[in-house]
Amino acid sequence: MGLFSFFNRELAMDLGTANSIVIYNDQVVIDEPSIVAYNRSTQKVIAVGREAQPMEGRSAEIETVRPLRGGVIAHFEMAQHLIRELINMTNINRSFLPPSLRMVICIPSGITDVEQKAVRETAEQAGAKEIRMIHEPMAAAIGAGIDVLQPEGHMVVDIGGGTAEIAVISLGGIVCNTSIKVAGDEFNDNVVDYMRRQHNMYIAVPTAEHVKIAVGAAVSELADPPEDCHTTGRDILTGLPKAVMVNYKEIAHALDKSVARIEQAILDTLAVTPPELASDIYKNGIYLAGGGALLRGLDQRISSKTKLEVHIAEDPLRAVARGTGIALRNFNKFAFLIR
């Protein structure tokens, strides 16, 4: 009997701080923001994912929550709603005889036992019968096309919404790793803070996210710079609506300290890498995955700092989810990586 049978369904889930991706039957079937909207008075959930996102910061009666912060569950009940709705969106439970559901969920490499237990219990409460887990750097490496089972060292830097995961992988194991809570969310906070200090303007986090995507950069000199971004918010002094134009050099300055912390984490991980694996990394370079890999000039900056070649994974936003799906599809091959 194959892994997928009528009475047994398996989902691969990248439960991310910013976005959650679900793979079913080798296909990305769900790609939704990790956000839940609920009524403050009744505590009833109104919307999840893409439907909830436009409600953020736009109503006194409706509260929006991102159940995951820093790569782990921060709001247990809302995380249950999020996972349950993601499962429901796949329609696999709407058959006459609902199948037994197994899930493989990505978890940060630095997750504690308590946090791991919270993820498992949340998935169980949401309807999963069996839950297995795989570390995000391993999934990212598989999704980036690296043969993680070979006796050869590879470094993967996965920059998501809540954490940056830096890991050296060889023979199907994580030899050394560093996990820091500096990633997309902190970049957004950097932009909010910069706009307040330099332009005397309050902007919301969704606006900061838009600015980061439009003109975000890790270096102040780009060969192909993006157009300036029209940014609106509220003037601190007058309280009136205000608009300014923001360029990529400003955002590179705003993000500089956070990017430097990621650089230092990479250097710290390289410093404790065994010599034979360090030799492999010198030859193979560093692989970037996650949404943070799309920050303009980040590969250039890391390469300059480490003197190593830096590769950006194909479709880095989905590299972790893609790797989880590959591990699930080749379950017997990767069984020892999935706990």
Protein backbone atom coordinates (compact mmCIF):
# COMPACT_ATOMS: atom_id res chain seq x y z
CA MET A 1 0.00 0.00 0.00
CA GLY A 2 1.36 3.44 -0.91
CA LEU A 3 1.99 6.22 1.52
CA PHE A 4 -1.17 7.98 0.34
CA SER A 5 -4.25 5.81 0.66
CA PHE A 6 -7.96 6.43 0.86
CA PHE A 7 -8.01 6.18 4.64
CA ASN A 8 -4.71 7.91 5.25
CA ARG A 9 -3.75 11.42 4.13
CA GLU A 10 -0.52 13.26 4.84
CA LEU A 11 0.11 16.99 4.74
CA ALA A 12 3.41 18.81 4.80
CA MET A 13 3.10 22.17 6.53
CA ASP A 14 5.49 25.08 6.82
CA LEU A 15 3.82 26.84 9.75
CA GLY A 16 5.56 30.18 9.43
CA THR A 17 5.48 33.40 11.42
CA ALA A 18 4.47 35.42 8.36
CA ASN A 19 3.02 32.83 5.97
CA SER A 20 1.89 29.21 6.20
CA ILE A 21 2.22 26.81 3.27
CA VAL A 22 0.58 23.40 2.95
CA ILE A 23 1.66 20.71 0.49
CA TYR A 24 -0.69 17.84 -0.34
CA ASN A 25 -0.05 15.19 -3.01
CA ASP A 26 3.19 16.98 -4.00
CA GLN A 27 1.34 20.23 -4.73
CA VAL A 28 1.27 23.54 -2.87
CA VAL A 29 -2.45 23.71 -2.11
CA ILE A 30 -2.44 26.47 0.53
CA ASP A 31 -0.27 29.58 0.80
CA GLU A 32 -1.84 31.96 3.30
CA PRO A 33 -0.68 34.69 5.71
CA SER A 34 -0.42 33.37 9.28
CA ILE A 35 -3.05 35.70 10.70
CA VAL A 36 -6.39 35.29 12.47
CA ALA A 37 -9.09 37.98 12.88
CA TYR A 38 -11.64 37.79 15.68
CA ASN A 39 -14.35 39.94 17.28
CA ARG A 40 -13.12 41.48 20.52
CA SER A 41 -16.58 41.41 22.14
CA THR A 42 -17.62 37.88 21.29
CA GLN A 43 -14.10 36.38 20.90
CA LYS A 44 -15.44 34.66 17.77
CA VAL A 45 -13.03 34.07 14.91
CA ILE A 46 -14.15 35.99 11.81
CA ALA A 47 -11.50 35.21 9.23
CA VAL A 48 -8.18 33.44 8.74
CA GLY A 49 -5.31 34.00 6.34
CA ARG A 50 -5.81 36.11 3.25
CA GLU A 51 -9.33 37.10 4.31
CA ALA A 52 -8.10 38.32 7.70
CA GLN A 53 -5.08 40.28 6.43
CA PRO A 54 -6.98 43.37 5.13
CA MET A 55 -8.66 43.71 8.56
CA GLU A 56 -5.35 44.35 10.35
CA GLY A 57 -5.41 47.71 12.13
CA ARG A 58 -8.64 48.86 10.48
CA SER A 59 -11.32 48.33 13.13
CA ALA A 60 -11.73 48.96 16.86
CA GLU A 61 -14.03 45.95 17.11
CA ILE A 62 -11.93 43.46 15.14
CA GLU A 63 -8.58 42.29 16.49
CA THR A 64 -6.01 40.56 14.31
CA VAL A 65 -3.48 38.14 15.79
CA ARG A 66 -0.42 36.46 14.38
CA PRO A 67 -0.38 33.23 16.45
CA LEU A 68 3.31 32.61 15.84
CA ARG A 69 6.07 34.95 16.97
CA GLY A 70 9.76 34.26 16.70
CA GLY A 71 9.08 30.98 14.95
CA VAL A 72 7.06 29.49 17.83
CA ILE A 73 3.46 29.51 18.98
CA ALA A 74 2.67 32.65 20.98
CA HIS A 75 -1.13 32.33 21.03
CA PHE A 76 -2.17 28.71 21.53
CA GLU A 77 -5.92 29.04 20.84
CA MET A 78 -5.52 31.17 17.73
CA ALA A 79 -2.84 28.80 16.42
CA GLN A 80 -5.39 26.00 16.69
CA HIS A 81 -7.86 28.04 14.62
CA LEU A 82 -5.16 28.77 12.04
CA ILE A 83 -4.06 25.12 11.66
CA ARG A 84 -7.65 23.86 11.64
CA GLU A 85 -8.63 26.31 8.90
CA LEU A 86 -5.54 25.48 6.84
CA ILE A 87 -6.54 21.81 7.04
CA ASN A 88 -10.15 22.64 6.12
CA MET A 89 -8.99 24.66 3.11
CA THR A 90 -7.50 21.47 1.63
CA ASN A 91 -11.00 19.85 1.61
CA ILE A 92 -9.53 16.48 2.61
CA ASN A 93 -11.88 16.18 5.60
CA ARG A 94 -15.03 16.68 3.54
CA SER A 95 -15.35 13.14 2.25
CA PHE A 96 -18.03 10.64 3.40
CA LEU A 97 -15.41 8.87 5.51
CA PRO A 98 -12.84 11.50 6.60
CA PRO A 99 -9.31 10.07 6.30
CA SER A 100 -6.86 9.69 9.14
CA LEU A 101 -4.68 12.76 8.92
CA ARG A 102 -0.94 12.74 9.42
CA MET A 103 1.09 15.94 9.34
CA VAL A 104 4.74 16.81 8.98
CA ILE A 105 5.42 20.29 10.36
CA CYS A 106 8.61 22.33 10.10
CA ILE A 107 10.04 23.59 13.38
CA PRO A 108 12.98 25.95 14.09
CA SER A 109 16.24 24.23 14.99
CA GLY A 110 16.44 26.23 18.24
CA ILE A 111 12.96 25.26 19.47
CA THR A 112 12.68 24.09 23.07
CA ASP A 113 10.95 20.87 24.17
CA VAL A 114 8.10 22.91 25.66
CA GLU A 115 7.63 24.86 22.43
CA GLN A 116 7.80 21.65 20.39
CA LYS A 117 5.14 20.09 22.61
CA ALA A 118 2.94 23.16 22.06
CA VAL A 119 3.18 22.75 18.27
CA ARG A 120 2.31 19.05 18.54
CA GLU A 121 -0.64 19.61 20.87
CA THR A 122 -1.96 22.45 18.70
CA ALA A 123 -1.92 20.26 15.60
CA GLU A 124 -3.64 17.44 17.51
CA GLN A 125 -6.34 19.81 18.75
CA ALA A 126 -6.80 20.97 15.16
CA GLY A 127 -7.59 17.43 14.02
CA ALA A 128 -4.32 15.71 13.11
CA LYS A 129 -4.04 12.08 14.24
CA GLU A 130 -0.27 11.80 13.94
CA ILE A 131 2.28 14.61 13.90
CA ARG A 132 5.89 14.42 12.82
CA MET A 133 8.39 17.25 12.69
CA ILE A 134 11.43 18.25 10.67
CA HIS A 135 13.86 21.05 11.43
CA GLU A 136 13.54 24.07 9.16
CA PRO A 137 17.21 24.26 8.06
CA MET A 138 17.08 20.61 6.99
CA ALA A 139 13.85 21.16 5.08
CA ALA A 140 15.30 24.33 3.51
CA ALA A 141 18.41 22.43 2.41
CA ILE A 142 16.34 19.68 0.81
CA GLY A 143 14.12 22.32 -0.85
CA ALA A 144 17.22 24.10 -2.19
CA GLY A 145 18.25 20.92 -4.00
CA ILE A 146 21.05 19.87 -1.65
CA ASP A 147 21.65 16.13 -1.19
CA VAL A 148 21.69 16.27 2.61
CA LEU A 149 22.50 12.55 2.96
CA GLN A 150 25.95 12.84 1.37
CA PRO A 151 29.10 13.02 3.56
CA GLU A 152 29.66 16.61 2.49
CA GLY A 153 29.18 19.87 4.37
CA HIS A 154 26.67 22.52 3.30
CA MET A 155 25.67 25.74 5.02
CA VAL A 156 22.05 26.87 4.83
CA VAL A 157 20.76 30.25 6.01
CA ASP A 158 16.97 30.28 6.26
CA ILE A 159 15.61 33.77 7.00
CA GLY A 160 11.90 33.58 7.68
CA GLY A 161 9.45 35.89 9.40
CA GLY A 162 10.43 35.22 13.00
CA THR A 163 13.86 33.60 13.00
CA ALA A 164 17.04 33.27 10.99
CA GLU A 165 18.28 29.68 11.05
CA ILE A 166 21.93 29.08 10.19
CA ALA A 167 22.97 25.44 9.99
CA VAL A 168 25.80 23.28 8.70
CA ILE A 169 24.42 19.99 7.39
CA SER A 170 26.19 16.72 6.56
CA LEU A 171 25.16 13.04 6.40
CA GLY A 172 21.53 13.87 7.11
CA GLY A 173 22.28 15.71 10.36
CA ILE A 174 22.72 19.25 11.61
CA VAL A 175 26.34 19.40 12.74
CA CYS A 176 26.20 22.92 14.15
CA ASN A 177 23.59 25.61 14.03
CA THR A 178 22.56 29.04 15.28
CA SER A 179 19.01 30.32 15.58
CA ILE A 180 18.40 34.03 16.18
CA LYS A 181 15.17 35.98 16.35
CA VAL A 182 16.24 38.45 13.69
CA ALA A 183 14.24 38.09 10.49
CA GLY A 184 11.34 39.59 8.55
CA ASP A 185 9.38 40.79 11.60
CA GLU A 186 12.39 42.64 12.98
CA PHE A 187 13.05 44.16 9.54
CA ASN A 188 9.49 45.51 9.61
CA ASP A 189 10.06 46.95 13.10
CA ASN A 190 13.27 48.56 11.83
CA VAL A 191 11.33 50.29 9.06
CA VAL A 192 8.62 51.50 11.48
CA ASP A 193 11.28 52.89 13.81
CA TYR A 194 13.20 54.54 10.97
CA MET A 195 10.09 56.29 9.63
CA ARG A 196 9.32 57.57 13.12
CA ARG A 197 12.83 58.90 13.73
CA GLN A 198 13.72 60.24 10.29
CA HIS A 199 10.37 61.31 8.88
CA ASN A 200 8.38 62.04 12.07
CA MET A 201 5.72 59.64 10.82
CA TYR A 202 3.90 56.70 12.32
CA ILE A 203 3.28 53.81 9.92
CA ALA A 204 1.62 50.46 10.58
CA VAL A 205 3.42 47.13 10.28
CA PRO A 206 1.58 46.17 7.04
CA THR A 207 2.84 49.44 5.52
CA ALA A 208 6.37 48.66 6.70
CA GLU A 209 6.08 45.24 5.07
CA HIS A 210 5.06 46.91 1.81
CA VAL A 211 8.03 49.31 2.02
CA LYS A 212 10.42 46.42 2.75
CA ILE A 213 9.21 44.50 -0.29
CA ALA A 214 9.20 47.57 -2.56
CA VAL A 215 12.58 49.10 -1.67
CA GLY A 216 14.16 46.83 0.93
CA ALA A 217 17.91 46.36 0.54
CA ALA A 218 20.91 45.13 2.52
CA VAL A 219 23.44 47.35 0.73
CA SER A 220 23.42 51.05 -0.11
CA GLU A 221 24.66 50.60 -3.67
CA LEU A 222 22.63 48.49 -6.12
CA ALA A 223 23.31 48.02 -9.83
CA ASP A 224 19.58 47.89 -10.54
CA PRO A 225 17.89 50.01 -7.85
CA PRO A 226 14.10 49.91 -7.35
CA GLU A 227 11.93 52.97 -7.78
CA ASP A 228 11.25 55.06 -4.68
CA CYS A 229 8.25 53.98 -2.64
CA HIS A 230 5.29 56.28 -1.91
CA THR A 231 4.63 55.77 1.81
CA THR A 232 1.72 57.08 3.85
CA GLY A 233 1.13 57.33 7.58
CA ARG A 234 0.33 59.81 10.36
CA ASP A 235 2.45 62.87 11.15
CA ILE A 236 3.73 62.68 14.74
CA LEU A 237 3.63 66.45 15.28
CA THR A 238 0.32 67.41 13.67
CA GLY A 239 -1.57 64.11 13.82
CA LEU A 240 -2.56 64.59 10.19
CA PRO A 241 -2.18 62.03 7.38
CA LYS A 242 1.17 62.37 5.65
CA ALA A 243 3.01 60.93 2.66
CA VAL A 244 6.74 60.74 1.85
CA MET A 245 8.89 59.07 -0.79
CA VAL A 246 11.33 56.49 0.56
CA ASN A 247 14.33 55.11 -1.33
CA TYR A 248 16.25 51.87 -0.98
CA LYS A 249 19.32 53.56 0.54
CA GLU A 250 17.23 54.72 3.48
CA ILE A 251 15.89 51.22 4.09
CA ALA A 252 19.37 49.71 3.76
CA HIS A 253 20.43 52.09 6.54
CA ALA A 254 17.34 51.16 8.61
CA LEU A 255 18.06 47.42 8.30
CA ASP A 256 21.83 47.64 8.69
CA LYS A 257 22.11 46.57 12.35
CA SER A 258 19.72 43.64 11.94
CA VAL A 259 21.51 42.41 8.82
CA ALA A 260 24.82 42.76 10.69
CA ARG A 261 23.45 40.45 13.43
CA ILE A 262 22.64 37.81 10.80
CA GLU A 263 26.14 38.22 9.37
CA GLN A 264 27.64 37.73 12.83
CA ALA A 265 25.53 34.62 13.43
CA ILE A 266 26.87 33.18 10.15
CA LEU A 267 30.45 33.96 11.20
CA ASP A 268 29.87 32.43 14.64
CA THR A 269 28.53 29.23 13.04
CA LEU A 270 31.46 29.04 10.63
CA ALA A 271 33.83 29.48 13.57
CA VAL A 272 32.62 26.24 15.20
CA THR A 273 32.33 24.23 11.98
CA PRO A 274 34.67 21.19 11.85
CA PRO A 275 37.62 21.77 9.47
CA GLU A 276 36.61 19.10 6.93
CA LEU A 277 33.12 20.57 6.63
CA ALA A 278 34.53 24.10 6.47
CA SER A 279 36.54 22.94 3.47
CA ASP A 280 33.34 21.68 1.83
CA ILE A 281 31.56 24.99 2.50
CA TYR A 282 34.47 26.87 0.92
CA LYS A 283 33.84 24.81 -2.20
CA ASN A 284 30.02 24.72 -2.11
CA GLY A 285 29.28 28.18 -0.77
CA ILE A 286 26.32 29.29 1.35
CA TYR A 287 22.66 28.74 0.42
CA LEU A 288 20.02 31.35 1.29
CA ALA A 289 16.34 30.44 1.71
CA GLY A 290 13.24 32.03 3.20
CA GLY A 291 11.63 35.38 2.41
CA GLY A 292 14.65 37.24 3.78
CA ALA A 293 16.75 35.82 0.94
CA LEU A 294 14.84 38.19 -1.38
CA LEU A 295 16.27 41.27 0.35
CA ARG A 296 18.17 43.07 -2.40
CA GLY A 297 21.93 42.77 -2.13
CA LEU A 298 21.86 40.40 0.86
CA ASP A 299 23.75 37.69 -1.03
CA GLN A 300 26.31 40.29 -2.13
CA ARG A 301 26.77 41.55 1.43
CA ILE A 302 27.15 38.09 2.99
CA SER A 303 29.56 37.07 0.27
CA SER A 304 31.67 40.16 0.93
CA LYS A 305 31.71 39.46 4.66
CA THR A 306 32.51 35.73 4.48
CA LYS A 307 34.54 35.67 1.25
CA LEU A 308 32.35 32.74 0.16
CA GLU A 309 30.04 32.27 -2.80
CA VAL A 310 26.38 32.76 -1.87
CA HIS A 311 23.50 31.06 -3.71
CA ILE A 312 19.82 32.00 -3.43
CA ALA A 313 17.51 28.99 -3.52
CA GLU A 314 14.98 28.79 -6.32
CA ASP A 315 11.68 30.28 -5.05
CA PRO A 316 13.21 30.86 -1.58
CA LEU A 317 9.83 31.68 0.00
CA ARG A 318 8.70 28.09 -0.54
CA ALA A 319 12.02 26.29 -0.10
CA VAL A 320 11.17 25.02 3.41
CA ALA A 321 7.71 23.82 2.38
CA ARG A 322 9.10 22.25 -0.79
CA GLY A 323 11.76 20.40 1.21
CA THR A 324 9.17 19.14 3.67
CA GLY A 325 7.08 17.84 0.80
CA ILE A 326 10.10 16.07 -0.73
CA ALA A 327 10.92 14.45 2.62
CA LEU A 328 7.30 13.32 2.92
CA ARG A 329 7.20 11.94 -0.62
CA ASN A 330 10.44 10.02 -0.02
CA PHE A 331 9.46 8.99 3.48
CA ASN A 332 11.56 5.84 3.68
CA LYS A 333 14.67 7.69 2.51
CA PHE A 334 14.26 10.58 4.95
CA ALA A 335 12.45 8.77 7.80
CA PHE A 336 15.25 9.35 10.30
CA LEU A 337 15.02 13.11 9.70
CA ILE A 338 11.30 13.24 10.58
CA ARG A 339 10.59 12.84 14.29
